[in-house]
Amino acid sequence: MDIFFQQIINGLVQGSIYALVALGYTMVYGIMGLINFAHGEVVMIGTLVAITVTSSLI
């Protein structure tokens, strides 16, 4: 049963990340009227920094 709740939390976290990325795309598109393709690169750099920090703490 612990695995079930852990998967629920993992799904909520992953969904929240997707929602934040989509919100960023929506805000940039709404303000500029153009899609910013560099937005994905910024998300990727943030992910790499988070992985590096997390692995150094463990």
PDB file of N, CA and C in Angstrom:
ATOM      1  N   MET A   1       0.818  -1.196   0.000  1.00  0.00           N
ATOM      2  CA  MET A   1       0.000   0.000   0.000  1.00  0.00           C
ATOM      3  C   MET A   1       0.863   1.261   0.000  1.00  0.00           C
ATOM      4  N   ASP A   2       2.070   1.166   0.561  1.00  0.00           N
ATOM      5  CA  ASP A   2       2.971   2.317   0.550  1.00  0.00           C
ATOM      6  C   ASP A   2       3.358   2.717  -0.865  1.00  0.00           C
ATOM      7  N   ILE A   3       3.554   1.715  -1.724  1.00  0.00           N
ATOM      8  CA  ILE A   3       3.936   2.003  -3.103  1.00  0.00           C
ATOM      9  C   ILE A   3       2.818   2.758  -3.812  1.00  0.00           C
ATOM     10  N   PHE A   4       1.578   2.413  -3.512  1.00  0.00           N
ATOM     11  CA  PHE A   4       0.440   3.096  -4.129  1.00  0.00           C
ATOM     12  C   PHE A   4       0.448   4.584  -3.792  1.00  0.00           C
ATOM     13  N   PHE A   5       0.623   4.915  -2.518  1.00  0.00           N
ATOM     14  CA  PHE A   5       0.631   6.324  -2.118  1.00  0.00           C
ATOM     15  C   PHE A   5       1.855   7.057  -2.662  1.00  0.00           C
ATOM     16  N   GLN A   6       2.973   6.357  -2.748  1.00  0.00           N
ATOM     17  CA  GLN A   6       4.168   6.970  -3.318  1.00  0.00           C
ATOM     18  C   GLN A   6       3.943   7.299  -4.799  1.00  0.00           C
ATOM     19  N   GLN A   7       3.268   6.414  -5.516  1.00  0.00           N
ATOM     20  CA  GLN A   7       2.975   6.671  -6.923  1.00  0.00           C
ATOM     21  C   GLN A   7       1.967   7.809  -7.087  1.00  0.00           C
ATOM     22  N   ILE A   8       1.035   7.928  -6.162  1.00  0.00           N
ATOM     23  CA  ILE A   8       0.094   9.059  -6.184  1.00  0.00           C
ATOM     24  C   ILE A   8       0.855  10.373  -6.037  1.00  0.00           C
ATOM     25  N   ILE A   9       1.772  10.422  -5.075  1.00  0.00           N
ATOM     26  CA  ILE A   9       2.574  11.633  -4.860  1.00  0.00           C
ATOM     27  C   ILE A   9       3.445  11.921  -6.077  1.00  0.00           C
ATOM     28  N   ASN A  10       4.079  10.885  -6.644  1.00  0.00           N
ATOM     29  CA  ASN A  10       4.907  11.072  -7.836  1.00  0.00           C
ATOM     30  C   ASN A  10       4.087  11.628  -8.999  1.00  0.00           C
ATOM     31  N   GLY A  11       2.879  11.129  -9.170  1.00  0.00           N
ATOM     32  CA  GLY A  11       2.008  11.628 -10.226  1.00  0.00           C
ATOM     33  C   GLY A  11       1.610  13.075 -10.017  1.00  0.00           C
ATOM     34  N   LEU A  12       1.322  13.439  -8.777  1.00  0.00           N
ATOM     35  CA  LEU A  12       0.971  14.832  -8.480  1.00  0.00           C
ATOM     36  C   LEU A  12       2.147  15.771  -8.721  1.00  0.00           C
ATOM     37  N   VAL A  13       3.340  15.342  -8.339  1.00  0.00           N
ATOM     38  CA  VAL A  13       4.530  16.173  -8.552  1.00  0.00           C
ATOM     39  C   VAL A  13       4.797  16.342 -10.045  1.00  0.00           C
ATOM     40  N   GLN A  14       4.741  15.251 -10.792  1.00  0.00           N
ATOM     41  CA  GLN A  14       4.985  15.325 -12.235  1.00  0.00           C
ATOM     42  C   GLN A  14       3.926  16.182 -12.928  1.00  0.00           C
ATOM     43  N   GLY A  15       2.677  16.036 -12.528  1.00  0.00           N
ATOM     44  CA  GLY A  15       1.617  16.862 -13.086  1.00  0.00           C
ATOM     45  C   GLY A  15       1.795  18.333 -12.769  1.00  0.00           C
ATOM     46  N   SER A  16       2.291  18.630 -11.571  1.00  0.00           N
ATOM     47  CA  SER A  16       2.548  20.022 -11.194  1.00  0.00           C
ATOM     48  C   SER A  16       3.662  20.622 -12.039  1.00  0.00           C
ATOM     49  N   ILE A  17       4.690  19.833 -12.316  1.00  0.00           N
ATOM     50  CA  ILE A  17       5.784  20.320 -13.166  1.00  0.00           C
ATOM     51  C   ILE A  17       5.264  20.613 -14.571  1.00  0.00           C
ATOM     52  N   TYR A  18       4.462  19.699 -15.125  1.00  0.00           N
ATOM     53  CA  TYR A  18       3.882  19.932 -16.450  1.00  0.00           C
ATOM     54  C   TYR A  18       2.998  21.177 -16.456  1.00  0.00           C
ATOM     55  N   ALA A  19       2.238  21.375 -15.388  1.00  0.00           N
ATOM     56  CA  ALA A  19       1.354  22.541 -15.309  1.00  0.00           C
ATOM     57  C   ALA A  19       2.158  23.836 -15.257  1.00  0.00           C
ATOM     58  N   LEU A  20       3.264  23.841 -14.512  1.00  0.00           N
ATOM     59  CA  LEU A  20       4.091  25.047 -14.439  1.00  0.00           C
ATOM     60  C   LEU A  20       4.744  25.372 -15.780  1.00  0.00           C
ATOM     61  N   VAL A  21       5.210  24.353 -16.484  1.00  0.00           N
ATOM     62  CA  VAL A  21       5.801  24.579 -17.809  1.00  0.00           C
ATOM     63  C   VAL A  21       4.739  25.108 -18.771  1.00  0.00           C
ATOM     64  N   ALA A  22       3.555  24.521 -18.745  1.00  0.00           N
ATOM     65  CA  ALA A  22       2.470  24.980 -19.613  1.00  0.00           C
ATOM     66  C   ALA A  22       2.049  26.400 -19.266  1.00  0.00           C
ATOM     67  N   LEU A  23       2.040  26.727 -17.979  1.00  0.00           N
ATOM     68  CA  LEU A  23       1.701  28.089 -17.569  1.00  0.00           C
ATOM     69  C   LEU A  23       2.731  29.082 -18.090  1.00  0.00           C
ATOM     70  N   GLY A  24       4.007  28.701 -18.049  1.00  0.00           N
ATOM     71  CA  GLY A  24       5.060  29.567 -18.587  1.00  0.00           C
ATOM     72  C   GLY A  24       4.885  29.801 -20.078  1.00  0.00           C
ATOM     73  N   TYR A  25       4.607  28.725 -20.829  1.00  0.00           N
ATOM     74  CA  TYR A  25       4.362  28.878 -22.266  1.00  0.00           C
ATOM     75  C   TYR A  25       3.163  29.781 -22.524  1.00  0.00           C
ATOM     76  N   THR A  26       2.105  29.595 -21.763  1.00  0.00           N
ATOM     77  CA  THR A  26       0.889  30.383 -21.953  1.00  0.00           C
ATOM     78  C   THR A  26       1.124  31.854 -21.661  1.00  0.00           C
ATOM     79  N   MET A  27       1.861  32.139 -20.586  1.00  0.00           N
ATOM     80  CA  MET A  27       2.130  33.539 -20.241  1.00  0.00           C
ATOM     81  C   MET A  27       2.984  34.222 -21.306  1.00  0.00           C
ATOM     82  N   VAL A  28       4.023  33.543 -21.776  1.00  0.00           N
ATOM     83  CA  VAL A  28       4.891  34.137 -22.800  1.00  0.00           C
ATOM     84  C   VAL A  28       4.113  34.340 -24.094  1.00  0.00           C
ATOM     85  N   TYR A  29       3.324  33.347 -24.487  1.00  0.00           N
ATOM     86  CA  TYR A  29       2.549  33.474 -25.720  1.00  0.00           C
ATOM     87  C   TYR A  29       1.490  34.570 -25.592  1.00  0.00           C
ATOM     88  N   GLY A  30       0.872  34.685 -24.427  1.00  0.00           N
ATOM     89  CA  GLY A  30      -0.157  35.698 -24.227  1.00  0.00           C
ATOM     90  C   GLY A  30       0.394  37.112 -24.256  1.00  0.00           C
ATOM     91  N   ILE A  31       1.600  37.289 -23.739  1.00  0.00           N
ATOM     92  CA  ILE A  31       2.187  38.634 -23.683  1.00  0.00           C
ATOM     93  C   ILE A  31       2.829  39.014 -25.007  1.00  0.00           C
ATOM     94  N   MET A  32       3.649  38.103 -25.561  1.00  0.00           N
ATOM     95  CA  MET A  32       4.408  38.427 -26.765  1.00  0.00           C
ATOM     96  C   MET A  32       3.668  38.098 -28.052  1.00  0.00           C
ATOM     97  N   GLY A  33       2.770  37.136 -27.996  1.00  0.00           N
ATOM     98  CA  GLY A  33       2.091  36.694 -29.205  1.00  0.00           C
ATOM     99  C   GLY A  33       2.933  35.733 -30.033  1.00  0.00           C
ATOM    100  N   LEU A  34       4.090  35.342 -29.507  1.00  0.00           N
ATOM    101  CA  LEU A  34       4.986  34.404 -30.175  1.00  0.00           C
ATOM    102  C   LEU A  34       5.338  33.280 -29.217  1.00  0.00           C
ATOM    103  N   ILE A  35       5.648  32.121 -29.790  1.00  0.00           N
ATOM    104  CA  ILE A  35       6.090  31.006 -28.954  1.00  0.00           C
ATOM    105  C   ILE A  35       7.591  31.134 -28.754  1.00  0.00           C
ATOM    106  N   ASN A  36       8.030  31.099 -27.510  1.00  0.00           N
ATOM    107  CA  ASN A  36       9.447  31.199 -27.187  1.00  0.00           C
ATOM    108  C   ASN A  36      10.015  29.785 -27.092  1.00  0.00           C
ATOM    109  N   PHE A  37      10.784  29.386 -28.110  1.00  0.00           N
ATOM    110  CA  PHE A  37      11.337  28.032 -28.124  1.00  0.00           C
ATOM    111  C   PHE A  37      12.477  27.877 -27.130  1.00  0.00           C
ATOM    112  N   ALA A  38      13.046  28.969 -26.647  1.00  0.00           N
ATOM    113  CA  ALA A  38      14.108  28.894 -25.642  1.00  0.00           C
ATOM    114  C   ALA A  38      13.549  28.529 -24.272  1.00  0.00           C
ATOM    115  N   HIS A  39      12.241  28.586 -24.114  1.00  0.00           N
ATOM    116  CA  HIS A  39      11.617  28.258 -22.831  1.00  0.00           C
ATOM    117  C   HIS A  39      11.924  26.817 -22.435  1.00  0.00           C
ATOM    118  N   GLY A  40      11.926  25.925 -23.384  1.00  0.00           N
ATOM    119  CA  GLY A  40      12.254  24.527 -23.113  1.00  0.00           C
ATOM    120  C   GLY A  40      13.684  24.360 -22.639  1.00  0.00           C
ATOM    121  N   GLU A  41      14.588  25.160 -23.189  1.00  0.00           N
ATOM    122  CA  GLU A  41      15.988  25.092 -22.761  1.00  0.00           C
ATOM    123  C   GLU A  41      16.145  25.585 -21.326  1.00  0.00           C
ATOM    124  N   VAL A  42      15.409  26.611 -20.964  1.00  0.00           N
ATOM    125  CA  VAL A  42      15.463  27.114 -19.590  1.00  0.00           C
ATOM    126  C   VAL A  42      14.947  26.056 -18.620  1.00  0.00           C
ATOM    127  N   VAL A  43      13.892  25.359 -18.996  1.00  0.00           N
ATOM    128  CA  VAL A  43      13.356  24.282 -18.159  1.00  0.00           C
ATOM    129  C   VAL A  43      14.379  23.161 -18.030  1.00  0.00           C
ATOM    130  N   MET A  44      15.058  22.827 -19.138  1.00  0.00           N
ATOM    131  CA  MET A  44      16.063  21.766 -19.113  1.00  0.00           C
ATOM    132  C   MET A  44      17.239  22.139 -18.211  1.00  0.00           C
ATOM    133  N   ILE A  45      17.702  23.383 -18.283  1.00  0.00           N
ATOM    134  CA  ILE A  45      18.806  23.824 -17.424  1.00  0.00           C
ATOM    135  C   ILE A  45      18.386  23.779 -15.961  1.00  0.00           C
ATOM    136  N   GLY A  46      17.170  24.192 -15.666  1.00  0.00           N
ATOM    137  CA  GLY A  46      16.667  24.114 -14.297  1.00  0.00           C
ATOM    138  C   GLY A  46      16.605  22.685 -13.794  1.00  0.00           C
ATOM    139  N   THR A  47      16.210  21.768 -14.679  1.00  0.00           N
ATOM    140  CA  THR A  47      16.163  20.354 -14.302  1.00  0.00           C
ATOM    141  C   THR A  47      17.555  19.811 -14.026  1.00  0.00           C
ATOM    142  N   LEU A  48      18.518  20.154 -14.868  1.00  0.00           N
ATOM    143  CA  LEU A  48      19.891  19.689 -14.660  1.00  0.00           C
ATOM    144  C   LEU A  48      20.487  20.241 -13.369  1.00  0.00           C
ATOM    145  N   VAL A  49      20.194  21.498 -13.060  1.00  0.00           N
ATOM    146  CA  VAL A  49      20.673  22.081 -11.799  1.00  0.00           C
ATOM    147  C   VAL A  49      20.036  21.368 -10.614  1.00  0.00           C
ATOM    148  N   ALA A  50      18.745  21.091 -10.700  1.00  0.00           N
ATOM    149  CA  ALA A  50      18.061  20.394  -9.605  1.00  0.00           C
ATOM    150  C   ALA A  50      18.622  18.991  -9.404  1.00  0.00           C
ATOM    151  N   ILE A  51      18.911  18.287 -10.495  1.00  0.00           N
ATOM    152  CA  ILE A  51      19.487  16.943 -10.378  1.00  0.00           C
ATOM    153  C   ILE A  51      20.875  17.007  -9.760  1.00  0.00           C
ATOM    154  N   THR A  52      21.679  17.979 -10.172  1.00  0.00           N
ATOM    155  CA  THR A  52      23.032  18.121  -9.627  1.00  0.00           C
ATOM    156  C   THR A  52      23.000  18.424  -8.140  1.00  0.00           C
ATOM    157  N   VAL A  53      22.141  19.343  -7.739  1.00  0.00           N
ATOM    158  CA  VAL A  53      22.047  19.703  -6.319  1.00  0.00           C
ATOM    159  C   VAL A  53      21.529  18.526  -5.502  1.00  0.00           C
ATOM    160  N   THR A  54      20.520  17.848  -6.020  1.00  0.00           N
ATOM    161  CA  THR A  54      19.960  16.706  -5.300  1.00  0.00           C
ATOM    162  C   THR A  54      20.977  15.583  -5.146  1.00  0.00           C
ATOM    163  N   SER A  55      21.725  15.300  -6.204  1.00  0.00           N
ATOM    164  CA  SER A  55      22.711  14.216  -6.121  1.00  0.00           C
ATOM    165  C   SER A  55      23.878  14.578  -5.218  1.00  0.00           C
ATOM    166  N   SER A  56      24.208  15.860  -5.115  1.00  0.00           N
ATOM    167  CA  SER A  56      25.303  16.249  -4.221  1.00  0.00           C
ATOM    168  C   SER A  56      24.862  16.222  -2.759  1.00  0.00           C
ATOM    169  N   LEU A  57      23.576  16.372  -2.493  1.00  0.00           N
ATOM    170  CA  LEU A  57      23.083  16.324  -1.119  1.00  0.00           C
ATOM    171  C   LEU A  57      22.923  14.897  -0.615  1.00  0.00           C
ATOM    172  N   ILE A  58      22.743  13.963  -1.529  1.00  0.00           N
ATOM    173  CA  ILE A  58      22.525  12.563  -1.123  1.00  0.00           C
ATOM    174  C   ILE A  58      23.796  11.860  -0.909  1.00  0.00           C
TER     175      ILE A  58
END
